[in-house]
């Protein structure tokens, strides 16, 4: 099944595949909202997804197909409500 984005491009079904908490492959990604070595915030066809951990790195990003691969130590994967997604300010990033 495919989902249409607001940009009229199809997005694949949303799936997560994790290999030993060291690699996470995600499909159905519409956009990468923000990321650093401790947190990724992705907009998927099923809502916003936060991935938290240590030494996180994006190893693959295919915006055409909506695929993202993240490596590092993955501690937490959680879906967020639209209301809980807030942009981090520069001050917030400095004092986290």
PDB file of N, CA and C in Angstrom:
ATOM      1  N   UNK A   1       0.835  -1.167   0.000  1.00  0.00           N
ATOM      2  CA  UNK A   1       0.000   0.000   0.000  1.00  0.00           C
ATOM      3  C   UNK A   1       0.885   1.238   0.000  1.00  0.00           C
ATOM      4  N   UNK A   2       0.495   2.270  -0.693  1.00  0.00           N
ATOM      5  CA  UNK A   2       1.244   3.510  -0.746  1.00  0.00           C
ATOM      6  C   UNK A   2       0.395   4.651  -0.231  1.00  0.00           C
ATOM      7  N   UNK A   3       1.042   5.627   0.358  1.00  0.00           N
ATOM      8  CA  UNK A   3       0.386   6.825   0.848  1.00  0.00           C
ATOM      9  C   UNK A   3       0.843   7.989  -0.005  1.00  0.00           C
ATOM     10  N   UNK A   4      -0.040   8.932  -0.241  1.00  0.00           N
ATOM     11  CA  UNK A   4       0.325  10.121  -0.999  1.00  0.00           C
ATOM     12  C   UNK A   4       0.705  11.220  -0.019  1.00  0.00           C
ATOM     13  N   UNK A   5       1.808  11.866  -0.271  1.00  0.00           N
ATOM     14  CA  UNK A   5       2.188  13.006   0.539  1.00  0.00           C
ATOM     15  C   UNK A   5       1.576  14.250  -0.064  1.00  0.00           C
ATOM     16  N   UNK A   6       1.766  15.355   0.627  1.00  0.00           N
ATOM     17  CA  UNK A   6       1.253  16.614   0.102  1.00  0.00           C
ATOM     18  C   UNK A   6       2.008  17.039  -1.148  1.00  0.00           C
ATOM     19  N   UNK A   7       3.134  16.417  -1.416  1.00  0.00           N
ATOM     20  CA  UNK A   7       3.920  16.738  -2.601  1.00  0.00           C
ATOM     21  C   UNK A   7       3.598  15.812  -3.762  1.00  0.00           C
ATOM     22  N   UNK A   8       2.524  15.028  -3.644  1.00  0.00           N
ATOM     23  CA  UNK A   8       2.066  14.109  -4.674  1.00  0.00           C
ATOM     24  C   UNK A   8       3.094  13.045  -5.041  1.00  0.00           C
ATOM     25  N   UNK A   9       3.929  12.674  -4.103  1.00  0.00           N
ATOM     26  CA  UNK A   9       4.821  11.550  -4.355  1.00  0.00           C
ATOM     27  C   UNK A   9       4.405  10.410  -3.433  1.00  0.00           C
ATOM     28  N   UNK A  10       4.412   9.193  -3.930  1.00  0.00           N
ATOM     29  CA  UNK A  10       3.989   8.067  -3.101  1.00  0.00           C
ATOM     30  C   UNK A  10       4.999   7.758  -2.001  1.00  0.00           C
ATOM     31  N   UNK A  11       4.496   7.347  -0.851  1.00  0.00           N
ATOM     32  CA  UNK A  11       5.330   6.922   0.262  1.00  0.00           C
ATOM     33  C   UNK A  11       4.963   5.486   0.574  1.00  0.00           C
ATOM     34  N   UNK A  12       5.972   4.643   0.707  1.00  0.00           N
ATOM     35  CA  UNK A  12       5.733   3.233   0.990  1.00  0.00           C
ATOM     36  C   UNK A  12       5.148   3.035   2.370  1.00  0.00           C
ATOM     37  N   UNK A  13       4.650   1.823   2.601  1.00  0.00           N
ATOM     38  CA  UNK A  13       4.188   1.458   3.935  1.00  0.00           C
ATOM     39  C   UNK A  13       5.290   1.753   4.944  1.00  0.00           C
ATOM     40  N   UNK A  14       4.867   2.056   6.135  1.00  0.00           N
ATOM     41  CA  UNK A  14       5.811   2.376   7.206  1.00  0.00           C
ATOM     42  C   UNK A  14       6.203   1.092   7.924  1.00  0.00           C
ATOM     43  N   UNK A  15       7.488   0.795   7.935  1.00  0.00           N
ATOM     44  CA  UNK A  15       7.993  -0.366   8.667  1.00  0.00           C
ATOM     45  C   UNK A  15       9.247   0.015   9.434  1.00  0.00           C
ATOM     46  N   UNK A  16       9.494  -0.729  10.511  1.00  0.00           N
ATOM     47  CA  UNK A  16      10.719  -0.607  11.290  1.00  0.00           C
ATOM     48  C   UNK A  16      11.381  -1.972  11.332  1.00  0.00           C
ATOM     49  N   UNK A  17      12.687  -2.010  11.141  1.00  0.00           N
ATOM     50  CA  UNK A  17      13.439  -3.251  11.250  1.00  0.00           C
ATOM     51  C   UNK A  17      14.712  -2.950  12.032  1.00  0.00           C
ATOM     52  N   UNK A  18      14.851  -3.579  13.198  1.00  0.00           N
ATOM     53  CA  UNK A  18      16.007  -3.298  14.041  1.00  0.00           C
ATOM     54  C   UNK A  18      16.875  -4.543  14.177  1.00  0.00           C
ATOM     55  N   UNK A  19      18.174  -4.324  14.076  1.00  0.00           N
ATOM     56  CA  UNK A  19      19.145  -5.403  14.198  1.00  0.00           C
ATOM     57  C   UNK A  19      19.978  -5.183  15.455  1.00  0.00           C
ATOM     58  N   UNK A  20      19.611  -5.881  16.520  1.00  0.00           N
ATOM     59  CA  UNK A  20      20.391  -5.881  17.751  1.00  0.00           C
ATOM     60  C   UNK A  20      20.625  -4.535  18.404  1.00  0.00           C
ATOM     61  N   UNK A  21      19.712  -3.604  18.297  1.00  0.00           N
ATOM     62  CA  UNK A  21      19.834  -2.256  18.872  1.00  0.00           C
ATOM     63  C   UNK A  21      21.006  -1.472  18.304  1.00  0.00           C
ATOM     64  N   UNK A  22      21.578  -1.967  17.203  1.00  0.00           N
ATOM     65  CA  UNK A  22      22.720  -1.281  16.589  1.00  0.00           C
ATOM     66  C   UNK A  22      22.387  -0.673  15.237  1.00  0.00           C
ATOM     67  N   UNK A  23      21.326  -1.142  14.600  1.00  0.00           N
ATOM     68  CA  UNK A  23      20.930  -0.616  13.297  1.00  0.00           C
ATOM     69  C   UNK A  23      19.409  -0.632  13.206  1.00  0.00           C
ATOM     70  N   UNK A  24      18.857   0.489  12.714  1.00  0.00           N
ATOM     71  CA  UNK A  24      17.419   0.621  12.550  1.00  0.00           C
ATOM     72  C   UNK A  24      17.143   1.067  11.124  1.00  0.00           C
ATOM     73  N   UNK A  25      16.359   0.278  10.394  1.00  0.00           N
ATOM     74  CA  UNK A  25      15.948   0.621   9.033  1.00  0.00           C
ATOM     75  C   UNK A  25      14.471   0.996   9.077  1.00  0.00           C
ATOM     76  N   UNK A  26      14.151   2.153   8.506  1.00  0.00           N
ATOM     77  CA  UNK A  26      12.796   2.691   8.563  1.00  0.00           C
ATOM     78  C   UNK A  26      12.330   2.995   7.144  1.00  0.00           C
ATOM     79  N   UNK A  27      11.110   2.584   6.809  1.00  0.00           N
ATOM     80  CA  UNK A  27      10.501   2.942   5.526  1.00  0.00           C
ATOM     81  C   UNK A  27       9.283   3.818   5.809  1.00  0.00           C
ATOM     82  N   UNK A  28       8.791   4.472   4.770  1.00  0.00           N
ATOM     83  CA  UNK A  28       7.629   5.337   4.919  1.00  0.00           C
ATOM     84  C   UNK A  28       7.967   6.681   5.537  1.00  0.00           C
ATOM     85  N   UNK A  29       9.225   7.112   5.413  1.00  0.00           N
ATOM     86  CA  UNK A  29       9.661   8.391   5.979  1.00  0.00           C
ATOM     87  C   UNK A  29       9.335   9.509   4.991  1.00  0.00           C
ATOM     88  N   UNK A  30       8.622  10.513   5.469  1.00  0.00           N
ATOM     89  CA  UNK A  30       8.298  11.671   4.640  1.00  0.00           C
ATOM     90  C   UNK A  30       9.412  12.704   4.686  1.00  0.00           C
ATOM     91  N   UNK A  31       9.945  12.944   5.886  1.00  0.00           N
ATOM     92  CA  UNK A  31      11.046  13.894   6.012  1.00  0.00           C
ATOM     93  C   UNK A  31      11.772  13.671   7.330  1.00  0.00           C
ATOM     94  N   UNK A  32      13.024  14.084   7.368  1.00  0.00           N
ATOM     95  CA  UNK A  32      13.808  14.092   8.599  1.00  0.00           C
ATOM     96  C   UNK A  32      13.685  15.500   9.160  1.00  0.00           C
ATOM     97  N   UNK A  33      13.031  15.617  10.318  1.00  0.00           N
ATOM     98  CA  UNK A  33      12.778  16.932  10.895  1.00  0.00           C
ATOM     99  C   UNK A  33      14.041  17.493  11.542  1.00  0.00           C
ATOM    100  N   UNK A  34      14.695  16.689  12.361  1.00  0.00           N
ATOM    101  CA  UNK A  34      15.955  17.093  12.973  1.00  0.00           C
ATOM    102  C   UNK A  34      16.687  15.851  13.469  1.00  0.00           C
ATOM    103  N   UNK A  35      17.993  16.017  13.658  1.00  0.00           N
ATOM    104  CA  UNK A  35      18.762  14.904  14.189  1.00  0.00           C
ATOM    105  C   UNK A  35      20.084  15.394  14.755  1.00  0.00           C
ATOM    106  N   UNK A  36      20.587  14.630  15.699  1.00  0.00           N
ATOM    107  CA  UNK A  36      21.935  14.800  16.222  1.00  0.00           C
ATOM    108  C   UNK A  36      22.399  13.425  16.685  1.00  0.00           C
ATOM    109  N   UNK A  37      23.502  13.345  17.408  1.00  0.00           N
ATOM    110  CA  UNK A  37      24.027  12.028  17.766  1.00  0.00           C
ATOM    111  C   UNK A  37      23.256  11.353  18.901  1.00  0.00           C
ATOM    112  N   UNK A  38      22.226  12.028  19.448  1.00  0.00           N
ATOM    113  CA  UNK A  38      21.419  11.426  20.507  1.00  0.00           C
ATOM    114  C   UNK A  38      19.942  11.279  20.162  1.00  0.00           C
ATOM    115  N   UNK A  39      19.470  11.972  19.127  1.00  0.00           N
ATOM    116  CA  UNK A  39      18.043  11.893  18.796  1.00  0.00           C
ATOM    117  C   UNK A  39      17.789  12.202  17.331  1.00  0.00           C
ATOM    118  N   UNK A  40      16.895  11.427  16.741  1.00  0.00           N
ATOM    119  CA  UNK A  40      16.379  11.676  15.395  1.00  0.00           C
ATOM    120  C   UNK A  40      14.886  11.893  15.529  1.00  0.00           C
ATOM    121  N   UNK A  41      14.357  12.878  14.820  1.00  0.00           N
ATOM    122  CA  UNK A  41      12.917  13.095  14.749  1.00  0.00           C
ATOM    123  C   UNK A  41      12.525  13.009  13.285  1.00  0.00           C
ATOM    124  N   UNK A  42      11.724  11.998  12.970  1.00  0.00           N
ATOM    125  CA  UNK A  42      11.336  11.721  11.590  1.00  0.00           C
ATOM    126  C   UNK A  42       9.827  11.849  11.449  1.00  0.00           C
ATOM    127  N   UNK A  43       9.384  12.425  10.337  1.00  0.00           N
ATOM    128  CA  UNK A  43       7.964  12.403  10.028  1.00  0.00           C
ATOM    129  C   UNK A  43       7.729  11.217   9.111  1.00  0.00           C
ATOM    130  N   UNK A  44       6.873  10.294   9.545  1.00  0.00           N
ATOM    131  CA  UNK A  44       6.580   9.095   8.765  1.00  0.00           C
ATOM    132  C   UNK A  44       5.125   9.128   8.314  1.00  0.00           C
ATOM    133  N   UNK A  45       4.757   8.182   7.505  1.00  0.00           N
ATOM    134  CA  UNK A  45       3.366   8.088   7.050  1.00  0.00           C
ATOM    135  C   UNK A  45       2.422   7.716   8.187  1.00  0.00           C
ATOM    136  N   UNK A  46       2.960   7.317   9.337  1.00  0.00           N
ATOM    137  CA  UNK A  46       2.150   6.968  10.502  1.00  0.00           C
ATOM    138  C   UNK A  46       2.308   7.977  11.634  1.00  0.00           C
ATOM    139  N   UNK A  47       2.927   9.119  11.375  1.00  0.00           N
ATOM    140  CA  UNK A  47       3.113  10.145  12.401  1.00  0.00           C
ATOM    141  C   UNK A  47       4.592  10.379  12.676  1.00  0.00           C
ATOM    142  N   UNK A  48       4.860  11.234  13.667  1.00  0.00           N
ATOM    143  CA  UNK A  48       6.239  11.543  14.026  1.00  0.00           C
ATOM    144  C   UNK A  48       6.836  10.415  14.850  1.00  0.00           C
ATOM    145  N   UNK A  49       8.096  10.111  14.560  1.00  0.00           N
ATOM    146  CA  UNK A  49       8.816   9.036  15.231  1.00  0.00           C
ATOM    147  C   UNK A  49      10.109   9.608  15.785  1.00  0.00           C
ATOM    148  N   UNK A  50      10.332   9.409  17.086  1.00  0.00           N
ATOM    149  CA  UNK A  50      11.579   9.828  17.725  1.00  0.00           C
ATOM    150  C   UNK A  50      12.416   8.587  18.010  1.00  0.00           C
ATOM    151  N   UNK A  51      13.677   8.651  17.621  1.00  0.00           N
ATOM    152  CA  UNK A  51      14.636   7.581  17.897  1.00  0.00           C
ATOM    153  C   UNK A  51      15.722   8.199  18.766  1.00  0.00           C
ATOM    154  N   UNK A  52      15.940   7.625  19.943  1.00  0.00           N
ATOM    155  CA  UNK A  52      16.935   8.173  20.870  1.00  0.00           C
ATOM    156  C   UNK A  52      17.974   7.122  21.199  1.00  0.00           C
ATOM    157  N   UNK A  53      19.178   7.595  21.477  1.00  0.00           N
ATOM    158  CA  UNK A  53      20.262   6.696  21.824  1.00  0.00           C
ATOM    159  C   UNK A  53      21.574   7.444  21.950  1.00  0.00           C
ATOM    160  N   UNK A  54      22.667   6.740  21.664  1.00  0.00           N
ATOM    161  CA  UNK A  54      24.004   7.321  21.763  1.00  0.00           C
ATOM    162  C   UNK A  54      24.781   7.035  20.489  1.00  0.00           C
ATOM    163  N   UNK A  55      25.579   8.003  20.078  1.00  0.00           N
ATOM    164  CA  UNK A  55      26.402   7.879  18.865  1.00  0.00           C
ATOM    165  C   UNK A  55      25.565   7.521  17.640  1.00  0.00           C
ATOM    166  N   UNK A  56      24.395   8.108  17.524  1.00  0.00           N
ATOM    167  CA  UNK A  56      23.510   7.820  16.393  1.00  0.00           C
ATOM    168  C   UNK A  56      24.032   8.519  15.136  1.00  0.00           C
ATOM    169  N   UNK A  57      23.982   7.801  14.039  1.00  0.00           N
ATOM    170  CA  UNK A  57      24.403   8.331  12.744  1.00  0.00           C
ATOM    171  C   UNK A  57      23.435   7.864  11.676  1.00  0.00           C
ATOM    172  N   UNK A  58      23.196   8.738  10.698  1.00  0.00           N
ATOM    173  CA  UNK A  58      22.369   8.366   9.565  1.00  0.00           C
ATOM    174  C   UNK A  58      23.277   7.715   8.531  1.00  0.00           C
ATOM    175  N   UNK A  59      23.049   6.449   8.262  1.00  0.00           N
ATOM    176  CA  UNK A  59      23.879   5.713   7.310  1.00  0.00           C
ATOM    177  C   UNK A  59      23.273   5.679   5.921  1.00  0.00           C
ATOM    178  N   UNK A  60      21.959   5.853   5.830  1.00  0.00           N
ATOM    179  CA  UNK A  60      21.302   5.830   4.532  1.00  0.00           C
ATOM    180  C   UNK A  60      20.108   6.770   4.588  1.00  0.00           C
ATOM    181  N   UNK A  61      19.968   7.575   3.553  1.00  0.00           N
ATOM    182  CA  UNK A  61      18.805   8.438   3.414  1.00  0.00           C
ATOM    183  C   UNK A  61      18.407   8.433   1.954  1.00  0.00           C
ATOM    184  N   UNK A  62      17.248   7.878   1.669  1.00  0.00           N
ATOM    185  CA  UNK A  62      16.716   7.836   0.316  1.00  0.00           C
ATOM    186  C   UNK A  62      15.387   8.572   0.333  1.00  0.00           C
ATOM    187  N   UNK A  63      15.431   9.863  -0.004  1.00  0.00           N
ATOM    188  CA  UNK A  63      14.218  10.677   0.072  1.00  0.00           C
ATOM    189  C   UNK A  63      13.193  10.302  -0.984  1.00  0.00           C
ATOM    190  N   UNK A  64      13.629   9.760  -2.092  1.00  0.00           N
ATOM    191  CA  UNK A  64      12.690   9.349  -3.148  1.00  0.00           C
ATOM    192  C   UNK A  64      11.799   8.203  -2.685  1.00  0.00           C
ATOM    193  N   UNK A  65      12.395   7.202  -2.028  1.00  0.00           N
ATOM    194  CA  UNK A  65      11.630   6.036  -1.577  1.00  0.00           C
ATOM    195  C   UNK A  65      11.186   6.142  -0.121  1.00  0.00           C
ATOM    196  N   UNK A  66      11.704   7.129   0.617  1.00  0.00           N
ATOM    197  CA  UNK A  66      11.315   7.291   2.018  1.00  0.00           C
ATOM    198  C   UNK A  66      11.987   6.314   2.951  1.00  0.00           C
ATOM    199  N   UNK A  67      13.259   5.969   2.680  1.00  0.00           N
ATOM    200  CA  UNK A  67      13.998   5.018   3.508  1.00  0.00           C
ATOM    201  C   UNK A  67      15.102   5.725   4.284  1.00  0.00           C
ATOM    202  N   UNK A  68      15.248   5.351   5.561  1.00  0.00           N
ATOM    203  CA  UNK A  68      16.304   5.883   6.408  1.00  0.00           C
ATOM    204  C   UNK A  68      16.910   4.722   7.190  1.00  0.00           C
ATOM    205  N   UNK A  69      18.245   4.726   7.311  1.00  0.00           N
ATOM    206  CA  UNK A  69      18.945   3.756   8.154  1.00  0.00           C
ATOM    207  C   UNK A  69      19.745   4.527   9.191  1.00  0.00           C
ATOM    208  N   UNK A  70      19.608   4.118  10.446  1.00  0.00           N
ATOM    209  CA  UNK A  70      20.294   4.759  11.562  1.00  0.00           C
ATOM    210  C   UNK A  70      21.132   3.701  12.268  1.00  0.00           C
ATOM    211  N   UNK A  71      22.376   4.057  12.587  1.00  0.00           N
ATOM    212  CA  UNK A  71      23.236   3.163  13.356  1.00  0.00           C
ATOM    213  C   UNK A  71      23.648   3.853  14.645  1.00  0.00           C
ATOM    214  N   UNK A  72      24.128   3.077  15.598  1.00  0.00           N
ATOM    215  CA  UNK A  72      24.538   3.561  16.908  1.00  0.00           C
ATOM    216  C   UNK A  72      23.885   2.691  17.967  1.00  0.00           C
ATOM    217  N   UNK A  73      23.881   3.159  19.206  1.00  0.00           N
ATOM    218  CA  UNK A  73      23.200   2.424  20.268  1.00  0.00           C
ATOM    219  C   UNK A  73      21.800   2.997  20.431  1.00  0.00           C
ATOM    220  N   UNK A  74      20.800   2.230  20.038  1.00  0.00           N
ATOM    221  CA  UNK A  74      19.409   2.681  20.053  1.00  0.00           C
ATOM    222  C   UNK A  74      18.788   2.317  21.397  1.00  0.00           C
ATOM    223  N   UNK A  75      18.342   3.346  22.122  1.00  0.00           N
ATOM    224  CA  UNK A  75      17.769   3.147  23.455  1.00  0.00           C
ATOM    225  C   UNK A  75      16.256   3.260  23.480  1.00  0.00           C
ATOM    226  N   UNK A  76      15.678   4.060  22.558  1.00  0.00           N
ATOM    227  CA  UNK A  76      14.264   4.385  22.671  1.00  0.00           C
ATOM    228  C   UNK A  76      13.700   4.685  21.288  1.00  0.00           C
ATOM    229  N   UNK A  77      12.528   4.121  21.005  1.00  0.00           N
ATOM    230  CA  UNK A  77      11.795   4.426  19.784  1.00  0.00           C
ATOM    231  C   UNK A  77      10.369   4.728  20.217  1.00  0.00           C
ATOM    232  N   UNK A  78       9.888   5.934  19.877  1.00  0.00           N
ATOM    233  CA  UNK A  78       8.554   6.321  20.337  1.00  0.00           C
ATOM    234  C   UNK A  78       7.866   7.172  19.274  1.00  0.00           C
ATOM    235  N   UNK A  79       6.555   6.944  19.121  1.00  0.00           N
ATOM    236  CA  UNK A  79       5.736   7.782  18.251  1.00  0.00           C
ATOM    237  C   UNK A  79       5.208   8.945  19.073  1.00  0.00           C
ATOM    238  N   UNK A  80       5.204  10.131  18.478  1.00  0.00           N
ATOM    239  CA  UNK A  80       4.805  11.344  19.178  1.00  0.00           C
ATOM    240  C   UNK A  80       3.532  11.917  18.585  1.00  0.00           C
ATOM    241  N   UNK A  81       2.723  12.526  19.447  1.00  0.00           N
ATOM    242  CA  UNK A  81       1.576  13.285  18.976  1.00  0.00           C
ATOM    243  C   UNK A  81       2.068  14.580  18.361  1.00  0.00           C
ATOM    244  N   UNK A  82       1.301  15.142  17.468  1.00  0.00           N
ATOM    245  CA  UNK A  82       1.669  16.400  16.812  1.00  0.00           C
ATOM    246  C   UNK A  82       1.916  17.496  17.847  1.00  0.00           C
ATOM    247  N   UNK A  83       1.165  17.506  18.944  1.00  0.00           N
ATOM    248  CA  UNK A  83       1.301  18.551  19.955  1.00  0.00           C
ATOM    249  C   UNK A  83       2.627  18.460  20.701  1.00  0.00           C
ATOM    250  N   UNK A  84       3.227  17.273  20.789  1.00  0.00           N
ATOM    251  CA  UNK A  84       4.470  17.122  21.546  1.00  0.00           C
ATOM    252  C   UNK A  84       5.700  17.413  20.708  1.00  0.00           C
ATOM    253  N   UNK A  85       5.546  17.605  19.415  1.00  0.00           N
ATOM    254  CA  UNK A  85       6.674  17.902  18.538  1.00  0.00           C
ATOM    255  C   UNK A  85       6.869  19.405  18.519  1.00  0.00           C
ATOM    256  N   UNK A  86       7.964  19.842  19.133  1.00  0.00           N
ATOM    257  CA  UNK A  86       8.270  21.270  19.184  1.00  0.00           C
ATOM    258  C   UNK A  86       9.680  21.479  18.661  1.00  0.00           C
ATOM    259  N   UNK A  87       9.880  22.519  17.892  1.00  0.00           N
ATOM    260  CA  UNK A  87      11.234  22.782  17.428  1.00  0.00           C
ATOM    261  C   UNK A  87      12.144  23.160  18.585  1.00  0.00           C
ATOM    262  N   UNK A  88      13.361  22.643  18.569  1.00  0.00           N
ATOM    263  CA  UNK A  88      14.330  23.000  19.584  1.00  0.00           C
ATOM    264  C   UNK A  88      14.959  24.345  19.239  1.00  0.00           C
ATOM    265  N   UNK A  89      15.016  25.200  20.225  1.00  0.00           N
ATOM    266  CA  UNK A  89      15.689  26.469  20.007  1.00  0.00           C
ATOM    267  C   UNK A  89      17.193  26.266  20.189  1.00  0.00           C
ATOM    268  N   UNK A  90      17.961  27.216  19.748  1.00  0.00           N
ATOM    269  CA  UNK A  90      19.402  27.145  19.920  1.00  0.00           C
ATOM    270  C   UNK A  90      19.745  27.076  21.404  1.00  0.00           C
ATOM    271  N   UNK A  91      19.065  27.865  22.235  1.00  0.00           N
ATOM    272  CA  UNK A  91      19.301  27.855  23.687  1.00  0.00           C
ATOM    273  C   UNK A  91      18.943  26.493  24.255  1.00  0.00           C
ATOM    274  N   UNK A  92      17.821  25.907  23.801  1.00  0.00           N
ATOM    275  CA  UNK A  92      17.408  24.591  24.277  1.00  0.00           C
ATOM    276  C   UNK A  92      18.425  23.518  23.941  1.00  0.00           C
ATOM    277  N   UNK A  93      19.043  23.598  22.772  1.00  0.00           N
ATOM    278  CA  UNK A  93      20.063  22.634  22.389  1.00  0.00           C
ATOM    279  C   UNK A  93      21.307  22.780  23.239  1.00  0.00           C
ATOM    280  N   UNK A  94      21.667  24.018  23.574  1.00  0.00           N
ATOM    281  CA  UNK A  94      22.875  24.262  24.356  1.00  0.00           C
ATOM    282  C   UNK A  94      22.747  23.775  25.791  1.00  0.00           C
ATOM    283  N   UNK A  95      21.550  23.880  26.379  1.00  0.00           N
ATOM    284  CA  UNK A  95      21.358  23.574  27.781  1.00  0.00           C
ATOM    285  C   UNK A  95      20.566  22.307  28.031  1.00  0.00           C
ATOM    286  N   UNK A  96      20.636  21.370  27.111  1.00  0.00           N
ATOM    287  CA  UNK A  96      19.876  20.130  27.336  1.00  0.00           C
ATOM    288  C   UNK A  96      20.605  19.180  28.229  1.00  0.00           C
TER     289      UNK A  96
END
